[in-house]
Amino acid sequence: MNIILIGAQGSGKGTQAEKLSTTLNIRHVASGDLFRKAIGDQTELGLKAKKYIDDGKLVPDEITIAMVLDRLQSPECANGVLLDGFPRTIAQAQALDRGLNEVNKLVDCAIYLEVPRAELLKRLSGRYICKAHQHVYNIESNPPQVPGICDIDGSELYQRSDDRGEAIQKRLDIFFSETIHLLDYYEGQQKLVKVNGNHSIEQVQKDLTIAIIERAGQH
């Protein structure tokens, strides 16, 4: 199955995607990781993307779509993928559908992790990330065993500048004014599944797994 995970910053999207990819044996593909890998490997698409990133510009949809499709056709994605962070707009979703159609693939379902805005603000203000591998912690719901240190690799934890103050509000404004329209798009295709993300990590993982298995049974 090819699954899209939709959720505002702080909804637990990245955490759940990592767990789901293991549970379902499908590859977790985050758009940011795609860029970093392509640039690091100095692929043709990576070099094109780097020019835009270095200039502080958004990478054009056609380059991002090409990266996603290239990833989808790799052997390790034969069982499907869990897309995290892409698409973000209806234009990107439409371009993704066209690209997938050309290689005889499709989006099987889009899952929206619903979390109230007040809870998102609370989570983001307490979020810390490790410098080595971007493992995510939260001082309230998922604190590290040793304050300021990653449990997994021992690197220092830091708080992103856009997880503070007005920057958080702006990021959420963009999600709820722009990305939220993806729900209508996938609802129209009868592919949207909503899951309450305002529970414990374990409960949300269980609900997501059940929702996906039920969806798979409909095909």
N, C-alpha and C. Protein backbone atom coordinates (compact mmCIF):
# COMPACT_ATOMS: atom_id res chain seq x y z
N MET A 1 0.83 -1.20 0.00
CA MET A 1 0.00 0.00 0.00
C MET A 1 0.87 1.25 0.00
N ASN A 2 0.41 2.26 -0.72
CA ASN A 2 1.03 3.57 -0.68
C ASN A 2 0.14 4.49 0.15
N ILE A 3 0.66 4.93 1.28
CA ILE A 3 -0.13 5.67 2.26
C ILE A 3 0.43 7.07 2.46
N ILE A 4 -0.45 8.05 2.55
CA ILE A 4 -0.03 9.42 2.86
C ILE A 4 -0.48 9.73 4.27
N LEU A 5 0.44 10.24 5.08
CA LEU A 5 0.12 10.62 6.46
C LEU A 5 0.06 12.13 6.54
N ILE A 6 -1.12 12.64 6.87
CA ILE A 6 -1.34 14.09 6.94
C ILE A 6 -1.51 14.49 8.40
N GLY A 7 -0.85 15.57 8.79
CA GLY A 7 -1.00 16.05 10.16
C GLY A 7 -0.23 17.33 10.35
N ALA A 8 -0.72 18.17 11.23
CA ALA A 8 -0.02 19.43 11.51
C ALA A 8 1.27 19.14 12.27
N GLN A 9 2.15 20.14 12.31
CA GLN A 9 3.35 20.01 13.11
C GLN A 9 2.96 19.73 14.56
N GLY A 10 3.59 18.72 15.15
CA GLY A 10 3.26 18.38 16.53
C GLY A 10 2.20 17.31 16.66
N SER A 11 1.67 16.83 15.53
CA SER A 11 0.60 15.82 15.59
C SER A 11 1.16 14.42 15.86
N GLY A 12 2.48 14.27 15.79
CA GLY A 12 3.08 12.96 16.02
C GLY A 12 3.29 12.18 14.73
N LYS A 13 3.17 12.88 13.62
CA LYS A 13 3.26 12.26 12.29
C LYS A 13 4.56 11.47 12.10
N GLY A 14 5.70 12.11 12.38
CA GLY A 14 6.99 11.45 12.18
C GLY A 14 7.17 10.25 13.07
N THR A 15 6.79 10.39 14.34
CA THR A 15 6.90 9.29 15.31
C THR A 15 6.05 8.11 14.87
N GLN A 16 4.80 8.38 14.48
CA GLN A 16 3.90 7.30 14.07
C GLN A 16 4.34 6.67 12.76
N ALA A 17 4.88 7.47 11.85
CA ALA A 17 5.33 6.94 10.56
C ALA A 17 6.45 5.93 10.75
N GLU A 18 7.39 6.24 11.65
CA GLU A 18 8.50 5.32 11.92
C GLU A 18 7.98 3.99 12.48
N LYS A 19 7.04 4.09 13.42
CA LYS A 19 6.50 2.88 14.04
C LYS A 19 5.67 2.07 13.03
N LEU A 20 4.87 2.76 12.23
CA LEU A 20 4.02 2.08 11.26
C LEU A 20 4.84 1.38 10.18
N SER A 21 5.92 2.01 9.76
CA SER A 21 6.73 1.41 8.70
C SER A 21 7.29 0.06 9.15
N THR A 22 7.61 -0.04 10.44
CA THR A 22 8.11 -1.30 10.99
C THR A 22 6.99 -2.32 11.12
N THR A 23 5.85 -1.86 11.66
CA THR A 23 4.71 -2.74 11.86
C THR A 23 4.18 -3.32 10.54
N LEU A 24 4.09 -2.47 9.52
CA LEU A 24 3.49 -2.87 8.24
C LEU A 24 4.52 -3.31 7.21
N ASN A 25 5.79 -3.21 7.56
CA ASN A 25 6.88 -3.56 6.63
C ASN A 25 6.79 -2.78 5.32
N ILE A 26 6.58 -1.47 5.44
CA ILE A 26 6.63 -0.59 4.29
C ILE A 26 7.59 0.55 4.60
N ARG A 27 8.15 1.15 3.58
CA ARG A 27 9.19 2.15 3.76
C ARG A 27 8.62 3.51 4.13
N HIS A 28 9.19 4.12 5.17
CA HIS A 28 8.82 5.49 5.57
C HIS A 28 9.61 6.45 4.71
N VAL A 29 8.92 7.29 3.94
CA VAL A 29 9.59 8.24 3.06
C VAL A 29 9.18 9.66 3.47
N ALA A 30 10.11 10.38 4.11
CA ALA A 30 9.87 11.77 4.51
C ALA A 30 10.50 12.67 3.45
N SER A 31 9.78 13.71 3.04
CA SER A 31 10.27 14.57 1.96
C SER A 31 11.63 15.19 2.31
N GLY A 32 11.81 15.60 3.55
CA GLY A 32 13.08 16.19 3.97
C GLY A 32 14.24 15.21 3.83
N ASP A 33 13.98 13.93 4.18
CA ASP A 33 15.01 12.90 4.05
C ASP A 33 15.38 12.66 2.60
N LEU A 34 14.36 12.72 1.72
CA LEU A 34 14.60 12.54 0.29
C LEU A 34 15.58 13.58 -0.24
N PHE A 35 15.32 14.84 0.14
CA PHE A 35 16.21 15.92 -0.30
C PHE A 35 17.63 15.71 0.21
N ARG A 36 17.73 15.41 1.51
CA ARG A 36 19.07 15.23 2.11
C ARG A 36 19.84 14.09 1.45
N LYS A 37 19.15 12.98 1.18
CA LYS A 37 19.82 11.83 0.57
C LYS A 37 20.23 12.13 -0.88
N ALA A 38 19.32 12.73 -1.64
CA ALA A 38 19.61 13.04 -3.04
C ALA A 38 20.76 14.03 -3.16
N ILE A 39 20.79 15.00 -2.26
CA ILE A 39 21.87 15.99 -2.28
C ILE A 39 23.18 15.34 -1.84
N GLY A 40 23.11 14.51 -0.81
CA GLY A 40 24.30 13.82 -0.31
C GLY A 40 24.89 12.87 -1.35
N ASP A 41 24.00 12.20 -2.12
CA ASP A 41 24.44 11.27 -3.16
C ASP A 41 24.81 11.99 -4.45
N GLN A 42 24.53 13.30 -4.47
CA GLN A 42 24.81 14.15 -5.65
C GLN A 42 24.15 13.61 -6.91
N THR A 43 22.89 13.18 -6.76
CA THR A 43 22.14 12.74 -7.93
C THR A 43 21.77 13.97 -8.76
N GLU A 44 21.33 13.71 -9.99
CA GLU A 44 20.94 14.82 -10.86
C GLU A 44 19.82 15.65 -10.23
N LEU A 45 18.82 14.96 -9.69
CA LEU A 45 17.71 15.66 -9.04
C LEU A 45 18.17 16.37 -7.77
N GLY A 46 19.08 15.72 -7.05
CA GLY A 46 19.60 16.32 -5.82
C GLY A 46 20.34 17.61 -6.09
N LEU A 47 21.14 17.63 -7.15
CA LEU A 47 21.88 18.84 -7.50
C LEU A 47 20.95 19.96 -7.94
N LYS A 48 19.87 19.57 -8.64
CA LYS A 48 18.88 20.57 -9.05
C LYS A 48 18.19 21.17 -7.82
N ALA A 49 17.81 20.29 -6.89
CA ALA A 49 17.12 20.74 -5.68
C ALA A 49 18.03 21.64 -4.84
N LYS A 50 19.32 21.29 -4.78
CA LYS A 50 20.28 22.05 -3.96
C LYS A 50 20.38 23.51 -4.41
N LYS A 51 20.29 23.73 -5.70
CA LYS A 51 20.37 25.11 -6.22
C LYS A 51 19.25 25.98 -5.64
N TYR A 52 18.04 25.40 -5.58
CA TYR A 52 16.90 26.14 -5.03
C TYR A 52 17.04 26.32 -3.52
N ILE A 53 17.45 25.26 -2.84
CA ILE A 53 17.59 25.31 -1.39
C ILE A 53 18.67 26.32 -0.98
N ASP A 54 19.79 26.31 -1.71
CA ASP A 54 20.88 27.24 -1.41
C ASP A 54 20.47 28.69 -1.62
N ASP A 55 19.52 28.90 -2.55
CA ASP A 55 19.03 30.26 -2.82
C ASP A 55 17.87 30.65 -1.91
N GLY A 56 17.52 29.72 -1.00
CA GLY A 56 16.41 29.99 -0.07
C GLY A 56 15.06 29.93 -0.72
N LYS A 57 14.96 29.20 -1.84
CA LYS A 57 13.69 29.10 -2.57
C LYS A 57 13.08 27.72 -2.36
N LEU A 58 11.76 27.63 -2.60
CA LEU A 58 11.08 26.35 -2.52
C LEU A 58 11.48 25.50 -3.73
N VAL A 59 11.71 24.21 -3.49
CA VAL A 59 12.03 23.31 -4.59
C VAL A 59 10.76 23.10 -5.42
N PRO A 60 10.82 23.29 -6.75
CA PRO A 60 9.63 23.12 -7.60
C PRO A 60 8.99 21.74 -7.45
N ASP A 61 7.68 21.70 -7.61
CA ASP A 61 6.95 20.44 -7.44
C ASP A 61 7.47 19.33 -8.35
N GLU A 62 7.84 19.69 -9.61
CA GLU A 62 8.24 18.63 -10.54
C GLU A 62 9.50 17.90 -10.08
N ILE A 63 10.40 18.62 -9.39
CA ILE A 63 11.62 17.97 -8.89
C ILE A 63 11.28 17.06 -7.71
N THR A 64 10.44 17.57 -6.81
CA THR A 64 10.05 16.78 -5.64
C THR A 64 9.28 15.53 -6.06
N ILE A 65 8.34 15.70 -7.00
CA ILE A 65 7.56 14.57 -7.50
C ILE A 65 8.49 13.52 -8.12
N ALA A 66 9.45 13.99 -8.91
CA ALA A 66 10.39 13.07 -9.55
C ALA A 66 11.17 12.28 -8.51
N MET A 67 11.56 12.95 -7.42
CA MET A 67 12.29 12.28 -6.34
C MET A 67 11.41 11.20 -5.68
N VAL A 68 10.16 11.56 -5.43
CA VAL A 68 9.23 10.61 -4.80
C VAL A 68 9.02 9.40 -5.70
N LEU A 69 8.79 9.63 -7.00
CA LEU A 69 8.55 8.53 -7.93
C LEU A 69 9.78 7.65 -8.06
N ASP A 70 10.95 8.28 -8.09
CA ASP A 70 12.20 7.53 -8.18
C ASP A 70 12.35 6.62 -6.96
N ARG A 71 11.99 7.15 -5.80
CA ARG A 71 12.06 6.38 -4.54
C ARG A 71 11.06 5.23 -4.56
N LEU A 72 9.85 5.52 -5.04
CA LEU A 72 8.79 4.50 -5.07
C LEU A 72 9.17 3.31 -5.95
N GLN A 73 10.00 3.56 -6.96
CA GLN A 73 10.36 2.48 -7.88
C GLN A 73 11.60 1.71 -7.44
N SER A 74 12.18 2.11 -6.29
CA SER A 74 13.35 1.37 -5.79
C SER A 74 12.89 0.05 -5.18
N PRO A 75 13.73 -0.99 -5.22
CA PRO A 75 13.35 -2.32 -4.70
C PRO A 75 12.88 -2.31 -3.25
N GLU A 76 13.47 -1.44 -2.42
CA GLU A 76 13.11 -1.44 -1.00
C GLU A 76 11.71 -0.88 -0.75
N CYS A 77 11.12 -0.29 -1.79
CA CYS A 77 9.75 0.24 -1.66
C CYS A 77 8.72 -0.65 -2.36
N ALA A 78 9.13 -1.89 -2.67
CA ALA A 78 8.24 -2.81 -3.40
C ALA A 78 6.93 -3.08 -2.65
N ASN A 79 7.01 -3.07 -1.30
CA ASN A 79 5.80 -3.34 -0.50
C ASN A 79 4.93 -2.11 -0.31
N GLY A 80 5.42 -0.95 -0.79
CA GLY A 80 4.68 0.29 -0.62
C GLY A 80 5.44 1.28 0.24
N VAL A 81 4.87 2.47 0.38
CA VAL A 81 5.53 3.52 1.16
C VAL A 81 4.54 4.26 2.04
N LEU A 82 5.10 4.91 3.03
CA LEU A 82 4.34 5.78 3.92
C LEU A 82 4.91 7.18 3.71
N LEU A 83 4.20 8.03 2.97
CA LEU A 83 4.69 9.37 2.66
C LEU A 83 4.39 10.33 3.79
N ASP A 84 5.42 11.02 4.25
CA ASP A 84 5.32 11.93 5.39
C ASP A 84 5.88 13.29 4.97
N GLY A 85 5.01 14.33 4.97
CA GLY A 85 5.47 15.67 4.61
C GLY A 85 5.24 16.03 3.15
N PHE A 86 4.66 15.12 2.42
CA PHE A 86 4.36 15.36 1.01
C PHE A 86 3.22 14.44 0.60
N PRO A 87 2.24 14.95 -0.16
CA PRO A 87 2.09 16.33 -0.65
C PRO A 87 1.60 17.28 0.44
N ARG A 88 1.82 18.59 0.20
CA ARG A 88 1.37 19.62 1.12
C ARG A 88 0.24 20.48 0.54
N THR A 89 0.07 20.41 -0.78
CA THR A 89 -0.96 21.21 -1.45
C THR A 89 -1.73 20.32 -2.42
N ILE A 90 -2.90 20.80 -2.86
CA ILE A 90 -3.69 20.04 -3.82
C ILE A 90 -2.93 19.91 -5.14
N ALA A 91 -2.22 20.97 -5.54
CA ALA A 91 -1.44 20.91 -6.78
C ALA A 91 -0.41 19.79 -6.71
N GLN A 92 0.24 19.64 -5.56
CA GLN A 92 1.22 18.57 -5.38
C GLN A 92 0.53 17.20 -5.39
N ALA A 93 -0.64 17.12 -4.77
CA ALA A 93 -1.39 15.86 -4.73
C ALA A 93 -1.80 15.44 -6.13
N GLN A 94 -2.25 16.40 -6.94
CA GLN A 94 -2.65 16.10 -8.31
C GLN A 94 -1.45 15.65 -9.14
N ALA A 95 -0.32 16.33 -8.96
CA ALA A 95 0.90 15.96 -9.69
C ALA A 95 1.37 14.57 -9.27
N LEU A 96 1.24 14.27 -7.99
CA LEU A 96 1.63 12.95 -7.49
C LEU A 96 0.75 11.87 -8.11
N ASP A 97 -0.56 12.11 -8.16
CA ASP A 97 -1.49 11.14 -8.77
C ASP A 97 -1.13 10.88 -10.23
N ARG A 98 -0.83 11.96 -10.96
CA ARG A 98 -0.47 11.80 -12.39
C ARG A 98 0.81 10.99 -12.53
N GLY A 99 1.81 11.32 -11.70
CA GLY A 99 3.08 10.61 -11.77
C GLY A 99 2.94 9.14 -11.41
N LEU A 100 2.16 8.84 -10.37
CA LEU A 100 1.94 7.46 -9.96
C LEU A 100 1.20 6.68 -11.03
N ASN A 101 0.23 7.34 -11.66
CA ASN A 101 -0.56 6.69 -12.71
C ASN A 101 0.33 6.24 -13.87
N GLU A 102 1.35 7.05 -14.16
CA GLU A 102 2.26 6.73 -15.26
C GLU A 102 3.10 5.49 -15.00
N VAL A 103 3.29 5.17 -13.73
CA VAL A 103 4.06 3.95 -13.40
C VAL A 103 3.16 2.88 -12.78
N ASN A 104 1.86 2.99 -13.10
CA ASN A 104 0.86 2.00 -12.66
C ASN A 104 0.79 1.82 -11.15
N LYS A 105 0.89 2.95 -10.44
CA LYS A 105 0.73 2.93 -8.99
C LYS A 105 -0.33 3.95 -8.60
N LEU A 106 -0.74 3.93 -7.34
CA LEU A 106 -1.71 4.91 -6.86
C LEU A 106 -1.60 5.09 -5.35
N VAL A 107 -2.22 6.16 -4.86
CA VAL A 107 -2.32 6.38 -3.43
C VAL A 107 -3.49 5.54 -2.94
N ASP A 108 -3.23 4.63 -1.99
CA ASP A 108 -4.29 3.76 -1.49
C ASP A 108 -5.15 4.45 -0.43
N CYS A 109 -4.51 5.21 0.44
CA CYS A 109 -5.29 5.95 1.43
C CYS A 109 -4.47 7.11 2.00
N ALA A 110 -5.19 8.10 2.48
CA ALA A 110 -4.58 9.26 3.13
C ALA A 110 -5.13 9.33 4.54
N ILE A 111 -4.26 9.31 5.52
CA ILE A 111 -4.69 9.29 6.92
C ILE A 111 -4.42 10.65 7.57
N TYR A 112 -5.45 11.21 8.17
CA TYR A 112 -5.30 12.50 8.85
C TYR A 112 -5.26 12.29 10.36
N LEU A 113 -4.16 12.71 10.97
CA LEU A 113 -4.03 12.64 12.42
C LEU A 113 -4.64 13.91 13.02
N GLU A 114 -5.81 13.79 13.61
CA GLU A 114 -6.51 14.95 14.17
C GLU A 114 -6.04 15.26 15.59
N VAL A 115 -5.55 16.47 15.79
CA VAL A 115 -5.13 16.93 17.12
C VAL A 115 -5.56 18.38 17.27
N PRO A 116 -6.23 18.75 18.38
CA PRO A 116 -6.65 20.14 18.59
C PRO A 116 -5.48 21.11 18.57
N ARG A 117 -5.72 22.32 18.08
CA ARG A 117 -4.64 23.30 17.95
C ARG A 117 -3.97 23.61 19.30
N ALA A 118 -4.75 23.69 20.35
CA ALA A 118 -4.17 24.00 21.67
C ALA A 118 -3.18 22.92 22.09
N GLU A 119 -3.51 21.66 21.78
CA GLU A 119 -2.63 20.55 22.12
C GLU A 119 -1.36 20.59 21.24
N LEU A 120 -1.53 20.97 19.98
CA LEU A 120 -0.38 21.07 19.07
C LEU A 120 0.62 22.11 19.60
N LEU A 121 0.10 23.24 20.06
CA LEU A 121 0.95 24.30 20.60
C LEU A 121 1.72 23.80 21.83
N LYS A 122 1.02 23.08 22.67
CA LYS A 122 1.62 22.54 23.90
C LYS A 122 2.74 21.55 23.55
N ARG A 123 2.45 20.68 22.59
CA ARG A 123 3.45 19.68 22.20
C ARG A 123 4.68 20.32 21.56
N LEU A 124 4.45 21.25 20.65
CA LEU A 124 5.57 21.87 19.94
C LEU A 124 6.49 22.65 20.86
N SER A 125 5.90 23.32 21.84
CA SER A 125 6.73 24.12 22.75
C SER A 125 7.59 23.25 23.64
N GLY A 126 7.23 21.94 23.76
CA GLY A 126 8.01 21.03 24.60
C GLY A 126 8.83 20.04 23.79
N ARG A 127 8.90 20.26 22.46
CA ARG A 127 9.58 19.31 21.58
C ARG A 127 11.09 19.59 21.48
N TYR A 128 11.87 18.53 21.59
CA TYR A 128 13.32 18.62 21.44
C TYR A 128 13.78 17.51 20.48
N ILE A 129 14.82 17.80 19.70
CA ILE A 129 15.30 16.88 18.67
C ILE A 129 16.79 16.65 18.85
N CYS A 130 17.25 15.42 18.60
CA CYS A 130 18.68 15.14 18.76
C CYS A 130 19.44 15.61 17.53
N LYS A 131 20.67 16.09 17.77
CA LYS A 131 21.47 16.67 16.69
C LYS A 131 21.99 15.63 15.71
N ALA A 132 22.20 14.41 16.17
CA ALA A 132 22.81 13.40 15.30
C ALA A 132 21.85 12.83 14.26
N HIS A 133 20.67 12.37 14.72
CA HIS A 133 19.77 11.66 13.80
C HIS A 133 18.32 12.14 13.87
N GLN A 134 18.07 13.29 14.46
CA GLN A 134 16.73 13.90 14.47
C GLN A 134 15.68 13.08 15.23
N HIS A 135 16.11 12.30 16.23
CA HIS A 135 15.12 11.59 17.06
C HIS A 135 14.35 12.63 17.87
N VAL A 136 13.04 12.42 18.00
CA VAL A 136 12.17 13.43 18.61
C VAL A 136 11.78 13.05 20.04
N TYR A 137 11.83 14.05 20.93
CA TYR A 137 11.42 13.87 22.33
C TYR A 137 10.46 15.00 22.71
N ASN A 138 9.73 14.77 23.78
CA ASN A 138 8.88 15.82 24.33
C ASN A 138 9.01 15.80 25.84
N ILE A 139 9.27 16.95 26.43
CA ILE A 139 9.56 16.99 27.86
C ILE A 139 8.37 16.54 28.71
N GLU A 140 7.16 16.53 28.11
CA GLU A 140 5.98 16.09 28.87
C GLU A 140 5.60 14.65 28.55
N SER A 141 5.42 14.36 27.25
CA SER A 141 4.87 13.05 26.87
C SER A 141 5.92 11.99 26.57
N ASN A 142 7.12 12.41 26.18
CA ASN A 142 8.14 11.43 25.80
C ASN A 142 9.54 11.97 26.13
N PRO A 143 9.81 12.18 27.44
CA PRO A 143 11.10 12.80 27.83
C PRO A 143 12.26 11.82 27.69
N PRO A 144 13.48 12.32 27.47
CA PRO A 144 14.65 11.45 27.41
C PRO A 144 14.98 10.96 28.83
N GLN A 145 15.68 9.84 28.93
CA GLN A 145 16.05 9.31 30.24
C GLN A 145 17.00 10.25 30.98
N VAL A 146 17.91 10.86 30.22
CA VAL A 146 18.83 11.85 30.78
C VAL A 146 18.51 13.19 30.13
N PRO A 147 18.13 14.22 30.91
CA PRO A 147 17.76 15.52 30.33
C PRO A 147 18.81 16.06 29.35
N GLY A 148 18.34 16.44 28.16
CA GLY A 148 19.22 17.05 27.17
C GLY A 148 20.05 16.09 26.34
N ILE A 149 19.87 14.76 26.58
CA ILE A 149 20.67 13.76 25.85
C ILE A 149 19.75 12.73 25.20
N CYS A 150 20.05 12.38 23.94
CA CYS A 150 19.26 11.39 23.21
C CYS A 150 19.50 9.99 23.77
N ASP A 151 18.41 9.27 24.04
CA ASP A 151 18.51 7.89 24.57
C ASP A 151 19.19 6.96 23.57
N ILE A 152 18.99 7.22 22.28
CA ILE A 152 19.42 6.28 21.24
C ILE A 152 20.88 6.44 20.85
N ASP A 153 21.30 7.68 20.60
CA ASP A 153 22.68 7.87 20.12
C ASP A 153 23.55 8.75 21.02
N GLY A 154 22.97 9.25 22.13
CA GLY A 154 23.76 10.02 23.08
C GLY A 154 24.11 11.44 22.66
N SER A 155 23.53 11.89 21.53
CA SER A 155 23.83 13.25 21.08
C SER A 155 23.00 14.27 21.84
N GLU A 156 23.39 15.53 21.70
CA GLU A 156 22.72 16.61 22.41
C GLU A 156 21.35 16.89 21.80
N LEU A 157 20.38 17.23 22.66
CA LEU A 157 19.05 17.59 22.19
C LEU A 157 18.96 19.11 22.05
N TYR A 158 18.21 19.55 21.05
CA TYR A 158 18.03 21.00 20.86
C TYR A 158 16.57 21.28 20.48
N GLN A 159 16.18 22.53 20.60
CA GLN A 159 14.83 22.93 20.20
C GLN A 159 14.92 23.77 18.94
N ARG A 160 14.15 23.38 17.92
CA ARG A 160 14.16 24.12 16.67
C ARG A 160 13.65 25.54 16.88
N SER A 161 14.22 26.47 16.13
CA SER A 161 13.82 27.88 16.28
C SER A 161 12.36 28.08 15.91
N ASP A 162 11.85 27.25 14.98
CA ASP A 162 10.44 27.41 14.59
C ASP A 162 9.50 26.62 15.49
N ASP A 163 10.01 26.08 16.59
CA ASP A 163 9.16 25.46 17.61
C ASP A 163 8.98 26.41 18.80
N ARG A 164 9.25 27.68 18.58
CA ARG A 164 9.13 28.66 19.66
C ARG A 164 8.24 29.83 19.25
N GLY A 165 7.52 30.35 20.25
CA GLY A 165 6.75 31.60 20.10
C GLY A 165 5.91 31.74 18.85
N GLU A 166 6.05 32.90 18.19
CA GLU A 166 5.22 33.22 17.04
C GLU A 166 5.46 32.29 15.87
N ALA A 167 6.67 31.73 15.77
CA ALA A 167 6.99 30.82 14.67
C ALA A 167 6.06 29.60 14.68
N ILE A 168 5.71 29.11 15.88
CA ILE A 168 4.80 27.97 15.98
C ILE A 168 3.45 28.34 15.40
N GLN A 169 2.93 29.51 15.80
CA GLN A 169 1.63 29.96 15.33
C GLN A 169 1.61 30.07 13.81
N LYS A 170 2.69 30.61 13.23
CA LYS A 170 2.75 30.78 11.78
C LYS A 170 2.73 29.44 11.06
N ARG A 171 3.47 28.48 11.58
CA ARG A 171 3.50 27.15 10.96
C ARG A 171 2.13 26.49 11.00
N LEU A 172 1.44 26.63 12.12
CA LEU A 172 0.11 26.05 12.24
C LEU A 172 -0.89 26.79 11.36
N ASP A 173 -0.71 28.11 11.23
CA ASP A 173 -1.59 28.89 10.35
C ASP A 173 -1.50 28.36 8.92
N ILE A 174 -0.28 28.07 8.47
CA ILE A 174 -0.08 27.56 7.10
C ILE A 174 -0.77 26.22 6.93
N PHE A 175 -0.63 25.35 7.95
CA PHE A 175 -1.27 24.03 7.85
C PHE A 175 -2.78 24.17 7.77
N PHE A 176 -3.36 24.94 8.70
CA PHE A 176 -4.82 25.01 8.77
C PHE A 176 -5.46 25.90 7.69
N SER A 177 -4.63 26.65 6.95
CA SER A 177 -5.20 27.46 5.87
C SER A 177 -4.89 26.88 4.49
N GLU A 178 -3.83 26.07 4.40
CA GLU A 178 -3.42 25.52 3.10
C GLU A 178 -3.46 23.99 3.03
N THR A 179 -2.64 23.35 3.84
CA THR A 179 -2.51 21.89 3.77
C THR A 179 -3.82 21.18 4.10
N ILE A 180 -4.64 21.80 4.93
CA ILE A 180 -5.90 21.19 5.36
C ILE A 180 -6.82 20.87 4.18
N HIS A 181 -6.64 21.58 3.05
CA HIS A 181 -7.48 21.35 1.87
C HIS A 181 -7.24 19.97 1.26
N LEU A 182 -6.14 19.34 1.63
CA LEU A 182 -5.88 17.97 1.16
C LEU A 182 -6.97 17.02 1.64
N LEU A 183 -7.56 17.33 2.79
CA LEU A 183 -8.61 16.45 3.32
C LEU A 183 -9.78 16.37 2.35
N ASP A 184 -10.19 17.52 1.80
CA ASP A 184 -11.28 17.53 0.82
C ASP A 184 -10.90 16.76 -0.44
N TYR A 185 -9.65 16.93 -0.84
CA TYR A 185 -9.17 16.27 -2.07
C TYR A 185 -9.27 14.75 -1.94
N TYR A 186 -8.75 14.22 -0.83
CA TYR A 186 -8.76 12.77 -0.67
C TYR A 186 -10.13 12.24 -0.23
N GLU A 187 -10.91 13.10 0.41
CA GLU A 187 -12.29 12.73 0.74
C GLU A 187 -13.06 12.52 -0.56
N GLY A 188 -12.81 13.41 -1.53
CA GLY A 188 -13.48 13.30 -2.83
C GLY A 188 -13.12 12.02 -3.56
N GLN A 189 -11.95 11.48 -3.27
CA GLN A 189 -11.52 10.22 -3.89
C GLN A 189 -11.90 9.01 -3.02
N GLN A 190 -12.58 9.29 -1.92
CA GLN A 190 -12.98 8.25 -0.96
C GLN A 190 -11.75 7.48 -0.42
N LYS A 191 -10.69 8.24 -0.18
CA LYS A 191 -9.46 7.64 0.33
C LYS A 191 -9.06 8.17 1.70
N LEU A 192 -9.84 9.12 2.23
CA LEU A 192 -9.48 9.74 3.50
C LEU A 192 -9.91 8.93 4.70
N VAL A 193 -8.99 8.76 5.66
CA VAL A 193 -9.27 8.10 6.93
C VAL A 193 -8.82 9.04 8.03
N LYS A 194 -9.70 9.32 9.00
CA LYS A 194 -9.34 10.21 10.11
C LYS A 194 -9.09 9.39 11.37
N VAL A 195 -8.00 9.72 12.05
CA VAL A 195 -7.65 9.04 13.30
C VAL A 195 -7.39 10.09 14.37
N ASN A 196 -7.94 9.88 15.54
CA ASN A 196 -7.75 10.81 16.66
C ASN A 196 -6.31 10.70 17.16
N GLY A 197 -5.54 11.77 16.95
CA GLY A 197 -4.15 11.77 17.36
C GLY A 197 -3.93 12.31 18.76
N ASN A 198 -5.02 12.59 19.47
CA ASN A 198 -4.91 13.19 20.80
C ASN A 198 -4.96 12.14 21.91
N HIS A 199 -4.26 11.04 21.69
CA HIS A 199 -4.15 9.97 22.68
C HIS A 199 -2.67 9.67 22.90
N SER A 200 -2.39 8.63 23.65
CA SER A 200 -1.00 8.23 23.87
C SER A 200 -0.40 7.73 22.55
N ILE A 201 0.93 7.74 22.46
CA ILE A 201 1.61 7.27 21.26
C ILE A 201 1.19 5.83 20.94
N GLU A 202 1.10 5.00 21.97
CA GLU A 202 0.74 3.59 21.78
C GLU A 202 -0.68 3.42 21.26
N GLN A 203 -1.62 4.22 21.82
CA GLN A 203 -3.02 4.11 21.40
C GLN A 203 -3.20 4.59 19.96
N VAL A 204 -2.52 5.68 19.62
CA VAL A 204 -2.62 6.21 18.25
C VAL A 204 -2.04 5.20 17.27
N GLN A 205 -0.93 4.58 17.63
CA GLN A 205 -0.33 3.57 16.76
C GLN A 205 -1.30 2.41 16.52
N LYS A 206 -1.96 1.98 17.58
CA LYS A 206 -2.93 0.89 17.47
C LYS A 206 -4.09 1.29 16.56
N ASP A 207 -4.61 2.50 16.75
CA ASP A 207 -5.74 2.97 15.94
C ASP A 207 -5.36 3.13 14.48
N LEU A 208 -4.15 3.61 14.23
CA LEU A 208 -3.66 3.76 12.85
C LEU A 208 -3.53 2.41 12.17
N THR A 209 -2.96 1.45 12.88
CA THR A 209 -2.76 0.11 12.31
C THR A 209 -4.10 -0.52 11.95
N ILE A 210 -5.07 -0.40 12.85
CA ILE A 210 -6.40 -0.96 12.60
C ILE A 210 -7.05 -0.29 11.39
N ALA A 211 -6.94 1.04 11.33
CA ALA A 211 -7.54 1.79 10.22
C ALA A 211 -6.95 1.37 8.88
N ILE A 212 -5.64 1.16 8.84
CA ILE A 212 -4.97 0.78 7.59
C ILE A 212 -5.34 -0.65 7.20
N ILE A 213 -5.38 -1.55 8.17
CA ILE A 213 -5.73 -2.95 7.88
C ILE A 213 -7.17 -3.03 7.36
N GLU A 214 -8.06 -2.24 7.96
CA GLU A 214 -9.46 -2.21 7.49
C GLU A 214 -9.53 -1.68 6.07
N ARG A 215 -8.73 -0.65 5.81
CA ARG A 215 -8.71 -0.05 4.47
C ARG A 215 -8.19 -1.07 3.45
N ALA A 216 -7.14 -1.79 3.84
CA ALA A 216 -6.56 -2.78 2.94
C ALA A 216 -7.57 -3.89 2.62
N GLY A 217 -8.40 -4.23 3.61
CA GLY A 217 -9.40 -5.26 3.42
C GLY A 217 -10.50 -4.87 2.45
N GLN A 218 -10.62 -3.57 2.18
CA GLN A 218 -11.66 -3.08 1.26
C GLN A 218 -11.21 -3.19 -0.20
N HIS A 219 -9.91 -3.51 -0.40
CA HIS A 219 -9.37 -3.60 -1.77
C HIS A 219 -9.31 -5.03 -2.25
